[in-house]
Amino acid sequence: QVQLVESGGGLVQAGGSLRLSCAASGRTFSSSTMGWFRQPPGKEREFVAASRWSGGSEYRVRYADSVKGRCTISRDNAKNTMHLEMNTLKPEDTAVYYCAAMAFNSGPYYSSNDYNYWGQGTQVTVSS
């Protein structure tokens, strides 16, 4: 059974930092796409960042414009984990953050419909 478990969320002041982690079990995703999405209060789920395997040990990363320059997605395949480092946090970053993974390395990286596995989410609250 595949499971994704997020951790690292919490309450932080504007300008602060958080590091989210996603621990995968049940299979590895080293040759697939993994990503982070978030759902702000009262809004739709939105893409945050993705890491797509591009062959060998190479990964292509993509970010939403709203977090570009402030977030870094990374993987530790040895531990079957993924991280999202978030800096200079803003109140508008407040959301439930979800880890997601594709069964296969296909489909638009920004489309939540193309991800097959999801974590339960972790709350990030940024106070002003």
C-alpha atoms as a PDB file:
ATOM      1  CA  GLN A   1       0.000   0.000   0.000  1.00  0.00           C
ATOM      2  CA  VAL A   2       1.449   3.323  -1.068  1.00  0.00           C
ATOM      3  CA  GLN A   3       1.455   6.086   1.505  1.00  0.00           C
ATOM      4  CA  LEU A   4       2.649   9.662   1.475  1.00  0.00           C
ATOM      5  CA  VAL A   5       2.981  11.381   4.828  1.00  0.00           C
ATOM      6  CA  GLU A   6       3.692  15.082   5.136  1.00  0.00           C
ATOM      7  CA  SER A   7       5.269  16.795   8.105  1.00  0.00           C
ATOM      8  CA  GLY A   8       6.794  20.136   8.991  1.00  0.00           C
ATOM      9  CA  GLY A   9       3.795  22.418   8.827  1.00  0.00           C
ATOM     10  CA  GLY A  10       2.998  24.922  11.537  1.00  0.00           C
ATOM     11  CA  LEU A  11       2.504  28.543  12.497  1.00  0.00           C
ATOM     12  CA  VAL A  12       5.147  31.009  11.433  1.00  0.00           C
ATOM     13  CA  GLN A  13       5.408  34.773  11.224  1.00  0.00           C
ATOM     14  CA  ALA A  14       5.589  36.545   7.902  1.00  0.00           C
ATOM     15  CA  GLY A  15       9.143  36.516   6.615  1.00  0.00           C
ATOM     16  CA  GLY A  16       9.891  33.232   8.319  1.00  0.00           C
ATOM     17  CA  SER A  17      10.766  29.831   6.914  1.00  0.00           C
ATOM     18  CA  LEU A  18       9.461  26.296   7.038  1.00  0.00           C
ATOM     19  CA  ARG A  19      10.654  22.994   5.644  1.00  0.00           C
ATOM     20  CA  LEU A  20       7.994  20.523   4.672  1.00  0.00           C
ATOM     21  CA  SER A  21       8.810  16.857   4.269  1.00  0.00           C
ATOM     22  CA  CYS A  22       7.013  14.028   2.517  1.00  0.00           C
ATOM     23  CA  ALA A  23       7.871  10.455   3.379  1.00  0.00           C
ATOM     24  CA  ALA A  24       6.812   7.838   0.855  1.00  0.00           C
ATOM     25  CA  SER A  25       6.323   4.157   1.523  1.00  0.00           C
ATOM     26  CA  GLY A  26       5.036   1.217  -0.448  1.00  0.00           C
ATOM     27  CA  ARG A  27       6.989   2.068  -3.608  1.00  0.00           C
ATOM     28  CA  THR A  28       9.702   4.388  -4.784  1.00  0.00           C
ATOM     29  CA  PHE A  29       9.157   7.426  -6.978  1.00  0.00           C
ATOM     30  CA  SER A  30      12.734   8.023  -8.038  1.00  0.00           C
ATOM     31  CA  SER A  31      11.757   7.621 -11.719  1.00  0.00           C
ATOM     32  CA  SER A  32       8.547   9.564 -11.514  1.00  0.00           C
ATOM     33  CA  THR A  33       7.134  12.984 -10.781  1.00  0.00           C
ATOM     34  CA  MET A  34       6.490  14.242  -7.302  1.00  0.00           C
ATOM     35  CA  GLY A  35       4.996  17.543  -6.378  1.00  0.00           C
ATOM     36  CA  TRP A  36       3.549  19.868  -3.805  1.00  0.00           C
ATOM     37  CA  PHE A  37       0.109  21.424  -3.979  1.00  0.00           C
ATOM     38  CA  ARG A  38      -1.711  23.652  -1.556  1.00  0.00           C
ATOM     39  CA  GLN A  39      -5.268  24.620  -0.789  1.00  0.00           C
ATOM     40  CA  PRO A  40      -5.764  28.052   0.773  1.00  0.00           C
ATOM     41  CA  PRO A  41      -8.876  28.577   2.896  1.00  0.00           C
ATOM     42  CA  GLY A  42     -11.964  28.811   0.705  1.00  0.00           C
ATOM     43  CA  LYS A  43     -10.013  28.283  -2.502  1.00  0.00           C
ATOM     44  CA  GLU A  44      -9.213  25.537  -4.976  1.00  0.00           C
ATOM     45  CA  ARG A  45      -6.155  23.331  -4.674  1.00  0.00           C
ATOM     46  CA  GLU A  46      -3.232  24.847  -6.580  1.00  0.00           C
ATOM     47  CA  PHE A  47       0.148  23.761  -7.839  1.00  0.00           C
ATOM     48  CA  VAL A  48       3.213  24.827  -5.859  1.00  0.00           C
ATOM     49  CA  ALA A  49       6.235  22.880  -7.088  1.00  0.00           C
ATOM     50  CA  ALA A  50       7.191  19.679  -8.881  1.00  0.00           C
ATOM     51  CA  SER A  51      10.232  17.507  -9.413  1.00  0.00           C
ATOM     52  CA  ARG A  52      10.153  15.393 -12.568  1.00  0.00           C
ATOM     53  CA  TRP A  53      12.632  12.648 -13.335  1.00  0.00           C
ATOM     54  CA  SER A  54      14.413  13.420 -16.605  1.00  0.00           C
ATOM     55  CA  GLY A  55      16.756  10.448 -16.824  1.00  0.00           C
ATOM     56  CA  GLY A  56      19.688   9.056 -14.878  1.00  0.00           C
ATOM     57  CA  SER A  57      19.949  11.018 -11.671  1.00  0.00           C
ATOM     58  CA  GLU A  58      18.565  14.218 -13.185  1.00  0.00           C
ATOM     59  CA  TYR A  59      15.370  15.941 -12.143  1.00  0.00           C
ATOM     60  CA  ARG A  60      13.660  18.931 -13.647  1.00  0.00           C
ATOM     61  CA  VAL A  61      11.993  21.235 -11.156  1.00  0.00           C
ATOM     62  CA  ARG A  62       9.179  23.668 -11.718  1.00  0.00           C
ATOM     63  CA  TYR A  63       7.556  26.238  -9.477  1.00  0.00           C
ATOM     64  CA  ALA A  64       4.385  28.252  -9.440  1.00  0.00           C
ATOM     65  CA  ASP A  65       5.040  31.927 -10.100  1.00  0.00           C
ATOM     66  CA  SER A  66       3.686  32.766  -6.663  1.00  0.00           C
ATOM     67  CA  VAL A  67       6.498  30.864  -4.918  1.00  0.00           C
ATOM     68  CA  LYS A  68       9.319  31.096  -7.437  1.00  0.00           C
ATOM     69  CA  GLY A  69      12.483  32.348  -5.783  1.00  0.00           C
ATOM     70  CA  ARG A  70      11.143  31.592  -2.311  1.00  0.00           C
ATOM     71  CA  CYS A  71      10.753  27.833  -2.419  1.00  0.00           C
ATOM     72  CA  THR A  72      13.051  24.929  -3.212  1.00  0.00           C
ATOM     73  CA  ILE A  73      11.889  21.388  -3.891  1.00  0.00           C
ATOM     74  CA  SER A  74      14.301  18.547  -3.340  1.00  0.00           C
ATOM     75  CA  ARG A  75      14.416  14.776  -3.073  1.00  0.00           C
ATOM     76  CA  ASP A  76      16.339  12.247  -1.052  1.00  0.00           C
ATOM     77  CA  ASN A  77      15.812   9.026  -2.976  1.00  0.00           C
ATOM     78  CA  ALA A  78      17.859   7.012  -0.491  1.00  0.00           C
ATOM     79  CA  LYS A  79      15.242   7.873   2.133  1.00  0.00           C
ATOM     80  CA  ASN A  80      12.316   7.962  -0.307  1.00  0.00           C
ATOM     81  CA  THR A  81      11.490  11.478   0.820  1.00  0.00           C
ATOM     82  CA  MET A  82      10.818  14.848  -0.724  1.00  0.00           C
ATOM     83  CA  HIS A  83      11.134  18.275   0.810  1.00  0.00           C
ATOM     84  CA  LEU A  84       9.867  21.774   0.220  1.00  0.00           C
ATOM     85  CA  GLU A  85      11.952  24.553   1.701  1.00  0.00           C
ATOM     86  CA  MET A  86       9.876  27.717   1.988  1.00  0.00           C
ATOM     87  CA  ASN A  87      11.437  31.088   2.774  1.00  0.00           C
ATOM     88  CA  THR A  88      10.183  34.640   3.111  1.00  0.00           C
ATOM     89  CA  LEU A  89       6.743  33.306   3.867  1.00  0.00           C
ATOM     90  CA  LYS A  90       3.741  35.556   3.342  1.00  0.00           C
ATOM     91  CA  PRO A  91       0.243  35.438   4.850  1.00  0.00           C
ATOM     92  CA  GLU A  92      -1.062  34.411   1.429  1.00  0.00           C
ATOM     93  CA  ASP A  93       1.011  31.235   1.707  1.00  0.00           C
ATOM     94  CA  THR A  94      -1.390  30.061   4.400  1.00  0.00           C
ATOM     95  CA  ALA A  95      -2.878  26.795   3.209  1.00  0.00           C
ATOM     96  CA  VAL A  96      -2.988  23.064   3.661  1.00  0.00           C
ATOM     97  CA  TYR A  97       0.010  21.690   1.781  1.00  0.00           C
ATOM     98  CA  TYR A  98      -0.202  18.326   0.072  1.00  0.00           C
ATOM     99  CA  CYS A  99       2.479  16.012  -1.178  1.00  0.00           C
ATOM    100  CA  ALA A 100       1.613  14.129  -4.351  1.00  0.00           C
ATOM    101  CA  ALA A 101       3.211  11.591  -6.668  1.00  0.00           C
ATOM    102  CA  MET A 102       2.498  10.199 -10.110  1.00  0.00           C
ATOM    103  CA  ALA A 103       2.432   6.476 -10.742  1.00  0.00           C
ATOM    104  CA  PHE A 104       4.172   7.135 -14.038  1.00  0.00           C
ATOM    105  CA  ASN A 105       6.338   9.996 -15.200  1.00  0.00           C
ATOM    106  CA  SER A 106       3.710  11.526 -17.458  1.00  0.00           C
ATOM    107  CA  GLY A 107       1.030  14.162 -17.494  1.00  0.00           C
ATOM    108  CA  PRO A 108       1.349  17.879 -16.870  1.00  0.00           C
ATOM    109  CA  TYR A 109       3.343  18.424 -13.693  1.00  0.00           C
ATOM    110  CA  TYR A 110       1.013  21.265 -12.673  1.00  0.00           C
ATOM    111  CA  SER A 111      -2.199  19.253 -13.013  1.00  0.00           C
ATOM    112  CA  SER A 112      -3.456  17.686  -9.803  1.00  0.00           C
ATOM    113  CA  ASN A 113      -5.566  15.279 -11.882  1.00  0.00           C
ATOM    114  CA  ASP A 114      -2.420  13.539 -13.125  1.00  0.00           C
ATOM    115  CA  TYR A 115      -1.135  12.668  -9.664  1.00  0.00           C
ATOM    116  CA  ASN A 116      -2.146   9.254  -8.378  1.00  0.00           C
ATOM    117  CA  TYR A 117      -1.036   9.361  -4.765  1.00  0.00           C
ATOM    118  CA  TRP A 118      -1.673  12.027  -2.160  1.00  0.00           C
ATOM    119  CA  GLY A 119      -0.740  12.700   1.407  1.00  0.00           C
ATOM    120  CA  GLN A 120      -3.182  13.804   4.054  1.00  0.00           C
ATOM    121  CA  GLY A 121      -1.908  17.374   4.088  1.00  0.00           C
ATOM    122  CA  THR A 122      -0.127  19.571   6.581  1.00  0.00           C
ATOM    123  CA  GLN A 123      -1.310  23.000   7.682  1.00  0.00           C
ATOM    124  CA  VAL A 124       0.892  26.020   7.138  1.00  0.00           C
ATOM    125  CA  THR A 125      -0.266  29.256   8.742  1.00  0.00           C
ATOM    126  CA  VAL A 126       1.624  32.498   8.213  1.00  0.00           C
ATOM    127  CA  SER A 127       0.714  35.352  10.522  1.00  0.00           C
ATOM    128  CA  SER A 128       1.180  38.985   9.553  1.00  0.00           C
END
